[in-house]
Protein backbone atom coordinates (compact mmCIF):
# COMPACT_ATOMS: atom_id res chain seq x y z
CA MET A 1 -4.09 -4.39 -4.85
CA SER A 2 -5.77 -2.17 -2.31
CA PHE A 3 -5.77 1.61 -2.22
CA ASN A 4 -7.53 4.70 -0.89
CA ILE A 5 -8.32 7.81 -2.89
CA ASN A 6 -8.74 11.36 -1.66
CA ARG A 7 -9.77 14.36 -3.80
CA ILE A 8 -7.39 17.22 -2.93
CA ASN A 9 -8.78 19.85 -5.33
CA PRO A 10 -11.24 19.91 -8.28
CA ASN A 11 -8.70 18.47 -10.74
CA GLN A 12 -6.40 16.33 -8.56
CA THR A 13 -6.81 13.16 -6.52
CA GLN A 14 -4.26 11.37 -4.40
CA VAL A 15 -4.16 7.59 -4.57
CA PHE A 16 -2.62 5.96 -1.48
CA PHE A 17 -1.56 2.34 -1.88
CA HIS A 18 -1.44 0.10 1.18
CA ASP A 19 2.24 -0.64 0.57
CA GLY A 20 3.06 3.02 1.34
CA ARG A 21 3.25 4.43 -2.19
CA PHE A 22 1.06 7.31 -3.33
CA GLU A 23 0.42 9.21 -6.54
CA THR A 24 -1.29 12.51 -7.32
CA LEU A 25 -3.40 12.17 -10.45
CA THR A 26 -5.35 14.61 -12.63
CA ASN A 27 -8.97 13.75 -13.40
CA GLU A 28 -7.92 12.26 -16.74
CA GLU A 29 -5.16 10.17 -15.15
CA LEU A 30 -7.61 9.01 -12.45
CA ASP A 31 -10.12 7.91 -15.08
CA GLU A 32 -7.38 5.93 -16.85
CA PHE A 33 -6.20 4.39 -13.56
CA LEU A 34 -9.73 3.35 -12.57
CA LEU A 35 -10.36 1.82 -16.00
CA HIS A 36 -7.11 -0.12 -15.65
CA MET A 37 -8.23 -1.34 -12.20
CA GLY A 38 -11.65 -2.36 -13.58
CA LEU A 39 -13.55 0.43 -11.79
CA SER A 40 -15.44 3.34 -13.28
CA GLU A 41 -16.76 5.93 -10.85
CA VAL A 42 -15.92 6.77 -7.24
CA ASN A 43 -17.15 8.99 -4.43
CA ASN A 44 -14.97 11.66 -2.80
CA GLU A 45 -12.96 9.25 -0.59
CA GLN A 46 -13.02 5.49 -0.98
CA ASN A 47 -11.22 2.32 0.09
CA PHE A 48 -10.68 -0.31 -2.59
CA LEU A 49 -9.57 -3.90 -2.12
CA GLU A 50 -8.86 -6.24 -4.96
């Protein structure tokens, strides 16, 4: 699964999936999502391919 992330304010990040879906996550939800995806830490805006 591939996705982009973009920090929109200090406690929220949008995750854009390449199939057109997106989610707005809190920092805690983002940490959980990244752990689930096997990732740990990210920069402000990243592309991820799996």
